[in-house]
């Protein structure tokens, strides 16, 4: 799970990360998505036309814009990650892990 700016580089993070690490097969972009830029009315800036990925952004979104992840309030970003994690969180497995940890501490 990751978050990045809504710009050509930010949209390319997933591909670049997977190419460079080779150890993951799936990532989940939690923020910033175009829908979040619109929903939270985040302030856009002019995108960098010199970025080699700029043309792809224009094709996907109709214009070259840039919105910094920092424009999203920290509490909102935390809530987006919490919601994304909830889909994978197993409270029973967590309780088992906590119990094992308590047992390990007792044994030490």
C-alpha atoms as a PDB file:
ATOM      1  CA  UNK A   1       0.000   0.000   0.000  1.00  0.00           C
ATOM      2  CA  UNK A   2       1.288   3.394  -0.873  1.00  0.00           C
ATOM      3  CA  UNK A   3       0.332   6.991  -1.492  1.00  0.00           C
ATOM      4  CA  UNK A   4       1.802   9.411  -3.987  1.00  0.00           C
ATOM      5  CA  UNK A   5       1.256  12.719  -5.680  1.00  0.00           C
ATOM      6  CA  UNK A   6      -1.348  12.937  -8.422  1.00  0.00           C
ATOM      7  CA  UNK A   7       1.056  13.694 -11.248  1.00  0.00           C
ATOM      8  CA  UNK A   8       2.990  11.754 -13.894  1.00  0.00           C
ATOM      9  CA  UNK A   9       5.673  10.581 -11.465  1.00  0.00           C
ATOM     10  CA  UNK A  10       3.191   9.734  -8.722  1.00  0.00           C
ATOM     11  CA  UNK A  11       1.106   7.633 -11.072  1.00  0.00           C
ATOM     12  CA  UNK A  12       4.231   5.769 -12.182  1.00  0.00           C
ATOM     13  CA  UNK A  13       5.347   4.794  -8.676  1.00  0.00           C
ATOM     14  CA  UNK A  14       3.654   1.394  -8.779  1.00  0.00           C
ATOM     15  CA  UNK A  15       5.264   0.294 -12.038  1.00  0.00           C
ATOM     16  CA  UNK A  16       8.654   1.621 -10.998  1.00  0.00           C
ATOM     17  CA  UNK A  17       8.476   0.011  -7.561  1.00  0.00           C
ATOM     18  CA  UNK A  18       7.529  -3.383  -8.956  1.00  0.00           C
ATOM     19  CA  UNK A  19      10.253  -3.182 -11.620  1.00  0.00           C
ATOM     20  CA  UNK A  20      12.964  -2.147  -9.171  1.00  0.00           C
ATOM     21  CA  UNK A  21      12.196  -4.517  -6.323  1.00  0.00           C
ATOM     22  CA  UNK A  22      11.034  -7.625  -8.122  1.00  0.00           C
ATOM     23  CA  UNK A  23       9.815  -8.974  -4.796  1.00  0.00           C
ATOM     24  CA  UNK A  24       6.171  -7.925  -4.913  1.00  0.00           C
ATOM     25  CA  UNK A  25       3.484  -8.796  -7.424  1.00  0.00           C
ATOM     26  CA  UNK A  26       0.769  -6.447  -6.243  1.00  0.00           C
ATOM     27  CA  UNK A  27       0.528  -2.953  -4.846  1.00  0.00           C
ATOM     28  CA  UNK A  28      -2.451  -0.875  -3.810  1.00  0.00           C
ATOM     29  CA  UNK A  29      -2.480   2.871  -4.358  1.00  0.00           C
ATOM     30  CA  UNK A  30      -4.404   4.387  -1.455  1.00  0.00           C
ATOM     31  CA  UNK A  31      -3.973   8.027  -2.493  1.00  0.00           C
ATOM     32  CA  UNK A  32      -3.997  10.314  -4.428  1.00  0.00           C
ATOM     33  CA  UNK A  33      -6.524   9.201  -6.965  1.00  0.00           C
ATOM     34  CA  UNK A  34      -8.372  11.451  -9.393  1.00  0.00           C
ATOM     35  CA  UNK A  35     -11.615  10.757  -7.531  1.00  0.00           C
ATOM     36  CA  UNK A  36     -10.014  11.937  -4.272  1.00  0.00           C
ATOM     37  CA  UNK A  37      -8.661  15.111  -5.879  1.00  0.00           C
ATOM     38  CA  UNK A  38     -12.223  15.909  -6.938  1.00  0.00           C
ATOM     39  CA  UNK A  39     -13.975  14.727  -3.762  1.00  0.00           C
ATOM     40  CA  UNK A  40     -11.695  16.690  -1.427  1.00  0.00           C
ATOM     41  CA  UNK A  41     -11.460  19.678  -3.795  1.00  0.00           C
ATOM     42  CA  UNK A  42      -7.664  19.613  -3.631  1.00  0.00           C
ATOM     43  CA  UNK A  43      -5.779  22.507  -5.244  1.00  0.00           C
ATOM     44  CA  UNK A  44      -4.165  21.591  -8.556  1.00  0.00           C
ATOM     45  CA  UNK A  45      -1.001  23.067  -9.969  1.00  0.00           C
ATOM     46  CA  UNK A  46       0.213  23.041 -13.532  1.00  0.00           C
ATOM     47  CA  UNK A  47       1.902  19.762 -14.329  1.00  0.00           C
ATOM     48  CA  UNK A  48       5.448  19.541 -15.668  1.00  0.00           C
ATOM     49  CA  UNK A  49       5.224  19.343 -19.453  1.00  0.00           C
ATOM     50  CA  UNK A  50       8.878  18.244 -19.569  1.00  0.00           C
ATOM     51  CA  UNK A  51       8.058  14.984 -17.761  1.00  0.00           C
ATOM     52  CA  UNK A  52       8.281  12.081 -20.202  1.00  0.00           C
ATOM     53  CA  UNK A  53       5.055  10.673 -18.727  1.00  0.00           C
ATOM     54  CA  UNK A  54       3.057  13.912 -19.174  1.00  0.00           C
ATOM     55  CA  UNK A  55       1.396  12.778 -22.417  1.00  0.00           C
ATOM     56  CA  UNK A  56      -0.028   9.684 -20.739  1.00  0.00           C
ATOM     57  CA  UNK A  57      -1.538  11.798 -17.953  1.00  0.00           C
ATOM     58  CA  UNK A  58      -3.220  14.048 -20.514  1.00  0.00           C
ATOM     59  CA  UNK A  59      -4.589  10.989 -22.314  1.00  0.00           C
ATOM     60  CA  UNK A  60      -5.950   9.485 -19.068  1.00  0.00           C
ATOM     61  CA  UNK A  61      -7.239  12.642 -17.377  1.00  0.00           C
ATOM     62  CA  UNK A  62      -7.760  15.186 -20.144  1.00  0.00           C
ATOM     63  CA  UNK A  63      -5.230  17.668 -18.787  1.00  0.00           C
ATOM     64  CA  UNK A  64      -1.795  17.879 -17.262  1.00  0.00           C
ATOM     65  CA  UNK A  65      -2.207  18.676 -13.598  1.00  0.00           C
ATOM     66  CA  UNK A  66      -0.268  18.080 -10.449  1.00  0.00           C
ATOM     67  CA  UNK A  67      -1.694  17.719  -6.946  1.00  0.00           C
ATOM     68  CA  UNK A  68       0.627  17.142  -4.021  1.00  0.00           C
ATOM     69  CA  UNK A  69      -0.191  14.401  -1.525  1.00  0.00           C
ATOM     70  CA  UNK A  70       0.503  16.996   1.176  1.00  0.00           C
ATOM     71  CA  UNK A  71      -2.699  18.790   0.125  1.00  0.00           C
ATOM     72  CA  UNK A  72      -4.696  15.984   1.724  1.00  0.00           C
ATOM     73  CA  UNK A  73      -5.310  16.526   5.458  1.00  0.00           C
ATOM     74  CA  UNK A  74      -3.294  14.028   7.569  1.00  0.00           C
ATOM     75  CA  UNK A  75      -6.420  12.669   9.270  1.00  0.00           C
ATOM     76  CA  UNK A  76      -7.990  11.996   5.888  1.00  0.00           C
ATOM     77  CA  UNK A  77      -4.887  10.178   4.668  1.00  0.00           C
ATOM     78  CA  UNK A  78      -4.855   8.078   7.843  1.00  0.00           C
ATOM     79  CA  UNK A  79      -8.530   7.207   7.330  1.00  0.00           C
ATOM     80  CA  UNK A  80      -7.865   6.182   3.713  1.00  0.00           C
ATOM     81  CA  UNK A  81      -5.097   3.823   4.836  1.00  0.00           C
ATOM     82  CA  UNK A  82      -7.223   2.448   7.688  1.00  0.00           C
ATOM     83  CA  UNK A  83     -10.073   1.710   5.298  1.00  0.00           C
ATOM     84  CA  UNK A  84      -7.714   0.034   2.822  1.00  0.00           C
ATOM     85  CA  UNK A  85      -6.131  -2.078   5.567  1.00  0.00           C
ATOM     86  CA  UNK A  86      -9.517  -3.173   6.890  1.00  0.00           C
ATOM     87  CA  UNK A  87     -10.018  -5.259   3.757  1.00  0.00           C
ATOM     88  CA  UNK A  88      -6.992  -7.378   4.737  1.00  0.00           C
ATOM     89  CA  UNK A  89      -7.121  -7.222   8.540  1.00  0.00           C
ATOM     90  CA  UNK A  90      -7.941 -10.435  10.356  1.00  0.00           C
ATOM     91  CA  UNK A  91      -8.805  -9.639  13.986  1.00  0.00           C
ATOM     92  CA  UNK A  92      -8.684 -13.328  14.960  1.00  0.00           C
ATOM     93  CA  UNK A  93      -5.162 -13.719  13.586  1.00  0.00           C
ATOM     94  CA  UNK A  94      -4.172 -10.530  15.394  1.00  0.00           C
ATOM     95  CA  UNK A  95      -5.461 -11.879  18.701  1.00  0.00           C
ATOM     96  CA  UNK A  96      -3.547 -15.140  18.164  1.00  0.00           C
ATOM     97  CA  UNK A  97      -0.371 -13.151  17.502  1.00  0.00           C
ATOM     98  CA  UNK A  98      -0.913 -11.059  20.641  1.00  0.00           C
ATOM     99  CA  UNK A  99      -1.448 -14.198  22.702  1.00  0.00           C
ATOM    100  CA  UNK A 100       1.766 -15.744  21.327  1.00  0.00           C
ATOM    101  CA  UNK A 101       3.607 -12.542  22.127  1.00  0.00           C
ATOM    102  CA  UNK A 102       2.327 -12.608  25.732  1.00  0.00           C
ATOM    103  CA  UNK A 103       3.391 -16.247  26.048  1.00  0.00           C
ATOM    104  CA  UNK A 104       6.837 -15.469  24.650  1.00  0.00           C
ATOM    105  CA  UNK A 105       7.256 -12.597  27.099  1.00  0.00           C
ATOM    106  CA  UNK A 106       6.221 -14.869  29.986  1.00  0.00           C
ATOM    107  CA  UNK A 107       8.763 -17.482  28.869  1.00  0.00           C
ATOM    108  CA  UNK A 108      11.544 -14.908  28.755  1.00  0.00           C
END
